[in-house]
Amino acid sequence: MPNGGFHHCAGCCHYQKTSWLCALRNIEITNPAWTTCKNRNNKEGAIDGPIYAIVCEVKNGAGSYGDIPYFDDARVDTHQESGADTVVRFKDSSGTTHQFATVDEYMSFYKASGREL
């Protein structure tokens, strides 16, 4: 089910639906209803911050939604197996898979790597 909000890439002036491409950032957006950034529909063209994955984090049976930044151009997402708590996972440009128990753990890693929000 797509995100019910209006703040995602699928409705952005920079998103090219036929090529799945963000024309502003020149990056493929394969999940446009679950991806966003601060530039949504800002036609000025200056990139402002990272791209964010809109995710659901489930802990102890309760879910909450939030935005977590891509790591460079890699989509970071939550994964849930067999009804367990979600984990945060992504594969970086070298092909290494990173996994974190919580969004907060990922955000600590993200900030420690020197990336800005």
C-alpha atoms as a PDB file:
ATOM      1  CA  MET A   1       0.000   0.000   0.000  1.00  0.00           C
ATOM      2  CA  PRO A   2       1.561   3.335  -0.974  1.00  0.00           C
ATOM      3  CA  ASN A   3       2.176   6.102   1.503  1.00  0.00           C
ATOM      4  CA  GLY A   4      -1.021   8.111   1.907  1.00  0.00           C
ATOM      5  CA  GLY A   5       0.754  11.450   2.302  1.00  0.00           C
ATOM      6  CA  PHE A   6       1.636  13.955  -0.372  1.00  0.00           C
ATOM      7  CA  HIS A   7       5.275  14.459   0.542  1.00  0.00           C
ATOM      8  CA  HIS A   8       6.768  11.593  -1.454  1.00  0.00           C
ATOM      9  CA  CYS A   9       8.679  11.406  -4.736  1.00  0.00           C
ATOM     10  CA  ALA A  10       5.773  10.002  -6.748  1.00  0.00           C
ATOM     11  CA  GLY A  11       4.132  13.442  -6.704  1.00  0.00           C
ATOM     12  CA  CYS A  12       7.287  15.541  -7.091  1.00  0.00           C
ATOM     13  CA  CYS A  13       8.069  17.766 -10.084  1.00  0.00           C
ATOM     14  CA  HIS A  14      11.599  16.268 -10.246  1.00  0.00           C
ATOM     15  CA  TYR A  15      10.430  12.656 -10.482  1.00  0.00           C
ATOM     16  CA  GLN A  16      10.335  11.172 -13.998  1.00  0.00           C
ATOM     17  CA  LYS A  17       7.797   8.347 -13.838  1.00  0.00           C
ATOM     18  CA  THR A  18       8.809   6.674 -17.111  1.00  0.00           C
ATOM     19  CA  SER A  19      12.465   6.276 -16.096  1.00  0.00           C
ATOM     20  CA  TRP A  20      12.028   6.030 -12.280  1.00  0.00           C
ATOM     21  CA  LEU A  21      14.563   8.858 -12.020  1.00  0.00           C
ATOM     22  CA  CYS A  22      14.914  11.909  -9.808  1.00  0.00           C
ATOM     23  CA  ALA A  23      16.007  14.472 -12.391  1.00  0.00           C
ATOM     24  CA  LEU A  24      17.378  16.820  -9.716  1.00  0.00           C
ATOM     25  CA  ARG A  25      19.695  14.232  -8.136  1.00  0.00           C
ATOM     26  CA  ASN A  26      20.103  11.908 -11.135  1.00  0.00           C
ATOM     27  CA  ILE A  27      19.309   8.843  -9.034  1.00  0.00           C
ATOM     28  CA  GLU A  28      16.856   6.006  -9.603  1.00  0.00           C
ATOM     29  CA  ILE A  29      13.904   6.024  -7.184  1.00  0.00           C
ATOM     30  CA  THR A  30      12.439   2.522  -7.256  1.00  0.00           C
ATOM     31  CA  ASN A  31      10.000   3.096  -4.409  1.00  0.00           C
ATOM     32  CA  PRO A  32       8.602   6.596  -5.125  1.00  0.00           C
ATOM     33  CA  ALA A  33       5.587   6.356  -2.793  1.00  0.00           C
ATOM     34  CA  TRP A  34       7.953   5.525   0.083  1.00  0.00           C
ATOM     35  CA  THR A  35      10.768   8.009  -0.673  1.00  0.00           C
ATOM     36  CA  THR A  36      11.067  11.750  -0.033  1.00  0.00           C
ATOM     37  CA  CYS A  37      13.470  14.681   0.377  1.00  0.00           C
ATOM     38  CA  LYS A  38      13.463  18.353   1.359  1.00  0.00           C
ATOM     39  CA  ASN A  39      13.430  19.358  -2.333  1.00  0.00           C
ATOM     40  CA  ARG A  40       9.988  17.954  -3.059  1.00  0.00           C
ATOM     41  CA  ASN A  41       8.494  20.260  -5.679  1.00  0.00           C
ATOM     42  CA  ASN A  42      11.079  22.994  -5.078  1.00  0.00           C
ATOM     43  CA  LYS A  43      11.825  24.043  -8.661  1.00  0.00           C
ATOM     44  CA  GLU A  44      14.901  26.145  -7.761  1.00  0.00           C
ATOM     45  CA  GLY A  45      17.135  23.109  -8.235  1.00  0.00           C
ATOM     46  CA  ALA A  46      19.619  23.388  -5.344  1.00  0.00           C
ATOM     47  CA  ILE A  47      19.884  20.042  -3.541  1.00  0.00           C
ATOM     48  CA  ASP A  48      18.956  20.326   0.133  1.00  0.00           C
ATOM     49  CA  GLY A  49      19.982  17.370   2.280  1.00  0.00           C
ATOM     50  CA  PRO A  50      19.724  13.633   1.668  1.00  0.00           C
ATOM     51  CA  ILE A  51      17.010  11.462   0.177  1.00  0.00           C
ATOM     52  CA  TYR A  52      14.907   9.725   2.836  1.00  0.00           C
ATOM     53  CA  ALA A  53      13.273   6.308   2.848  1.00  0.00           C
ATOM     54  CA  ILE A  54       9.836   6.409   4.478  1.00  0.00           C
ATOM     55  CA  VAL A  55       9.855   3.307   6.694  1.00  0.00           C
ATOM     56  CA  CYS A  56       7.874   1.481   9.338  1.00  0.00           C
ATOM     57  CA  GLU A  57       9.788   0.330  12.400  1.00  0.00           C
ATOM     58  CA  VAL A  58       8.153  -2.455  14.437  1.00  0.00           C
ATOM     59  CA  LYS A  59       9.334  -3.070  17.999  1.00  0.00           C
ATOM     60  CA  ASN A  60       7.519  -5.260  20.531  1.00  0.00           C
ATOM     61  CA  GLY A  61       4.531  -5.584  18.191  1.00  0.00           C
ATOM     62  CA  ALA A  62       3.981  -1.818  17.753  1.00  0.00           C
ATOM     63  CA  GLY A  63       4.806   0.054  14.552  1.00  0.00           C
ATOM     64  CA  SER A  64       5.746   3.646  13.865  1.00  0.00           C
ATOM     65  CA  TYR A  65       6.585   5.468  10.643  1.00  0.00           C
ATOM     66  CA  GLY A  66       9.514   7.768  10.020  1.00  0.00           C
ATOM     67  CA  ASP A  67      12.005   9.004   7.461  1.00  0.00           C
ATOM     68  CA  ILE A  68      15.596   7.717   7.456  1.00  0.00           C
ATOM     69  CA  PRO A  69      18.303   9.036   5.139  1.00  0.00           C
ATOM     70  CA  TYR A  70      19.768   7.036   2.295  1.00  0.00           C
ATOM     71  CA  PHE A  71      23.431   6.165   2.802  1.00  0.00           C
ATOM     72  CA  ASP A  72      25.017   7.954  -0.129  1.00  0.00           C
ATOM     73  CA  ASP A  73      22.784   6.732  -2.988  1.00  0.00           C
ATOM     74  CA  ALA A  74      21.779   3.471  -1.293  1.00  0.00           C
ATOM     75  CA  ARG A  75      18.225   3.107  -0.038  1.00  0.00           C
ATOM     76  CA  VAL A  76      18.121   2.111   3.631  1.00  0.00           C
ATOM     77  CA  ASP A  77      15.018   0.168   4.587  1.00  0.00           C
ATOM     78  CA  THR A  78      13.439  -1.787   7.408  1.00  0.00           C
ATOM     79  CA  HIS A  79      12.856  -5.523   7.125  1.00  0.00           C
ATOM     80  CA  GLN A  80      10.651  -7.771   9.230  1.00  0.00           C
ATOM     81  CA  GLU A  81      10.771 -11.552   9.173  1.00  0.00           C
ATOM     82  CA  SER A  82       8.267 -13.933  10.795  1.00  0.00           C
ATOM     83  CA  GLY A  83       6.534 -11.227  12.840  1.00  0.00           C
ATOM     84  CA  ALA A  84       9.729 -10.287  14.656  1.00  0.00           C
ATOM     85  CA  ASP A  85      10.978  -6.762  15.261  1.00  0.00           C
ATOM     86  CA  THR A  86      12.230  -4.942  12.183  1.00  0.00           C
ATOM     87  CA  VAL A  87      15.895  -4.438  11.420  1.00  0.00           C
ATOM     88  CA  VAL A  88      17.425  -1.656   9.348  1.00  0.00           C
ATOM     89  CA  ARG A  89      19.439  -2.893   6.369  1.00  0.00           C
ATOM     90  CA  PHE A  90      21.211  -1.551   3.298  1.00  0.00           C
ATOM     91  CA  LYS A  91      23.931  -2.503   0.835  1.00  0.00           C
ATOM     92  CA  ASP A  92      26.606   0.154   0.248  1.00  0.00           C
ATOM     93  CA  SER A  93      28.321   0.987  -3.057  1.00  0.00           C
ATOM     94  CA  SER A  94      31.050  -1.623  -2.417  1.00  0.00           C
ATOM     95  CA  GLY A  95      28.403  -4.351  -2.008  1.00  0.00           C
ATOM     96  CA  THR A  96      28.764  -4.658   1.773  1.00  0.00           C
ATOM     97  CA  THR A  97      25.485  -5.261   3.614  1.00  0.00           C
ATOM     98  CA  HIS A  98      24.995  -3.315   6.850  1.00  0.00           C
ATOM     99  CA  GLN A  99      22.346  -4.224   9.407  1.00  0.00           C
ATOM    100  CA  PHE A 100      21.185  -2.435  12.562  1.00  0.00           C
ATOM    101  CA  ALA A 101      18.741  -3.475  15.277  1.00  0.00           C
ATOM    102  CA  THR A 102      16.978  -0.088  15.353  1.00  0.00           C
ATOM    103  CA  VAL A 103      16.582   3.136  13.394  1.00  0.00           C
ATOM    104  CA  ASP A 104      18.408   4.940  16.226  1.00  0.00           C
ATOM    105  CA  GLU A 105      21.373   2.572  15.823  1.00  0.00           C
ATOM    106  CA  TYR A 106      21.465   3.296  12.079  1.00  0.00           C
ATOM    107  CA  MET A 107      21.232   7.052  12.695  1.00  0.00           C
ATOM    108  CA  SER A 108      24.239   6.881  15.059  1.00  0.00           C
ATOM    109  CA  PHE A 109      26.194   5.070  12.329  1.00  0.00           C
ATOM    110  CA  TYR A 110      25.037   7.623   9.737  1.00  0.00           C
ATOM    111  CA  LYS A 111      26.107  10.612  11.843  1.00  0.00           C
ATOM    112  CA  ALA A 112      29.420   8.982  12.847  1.00  0.00           C
ATOM    113  CA  SER A 113      30.228   8.558   9.143  1.00  0.00           C
ATOM    114  CA  GLY A 114      30.198  12.363   8.768  1.00  0.00           C
ATOM    115  CA  ARG A 115      27.025  12.637   6.710  1.00  0.00           C
ATOM    116  CA  GLU A 116      24.766  15.648   7.255  1.00  0.00           C
ATOM    117  CA  LEU A 117      20.984  15.732   7.537  1.00  0.00           C
END
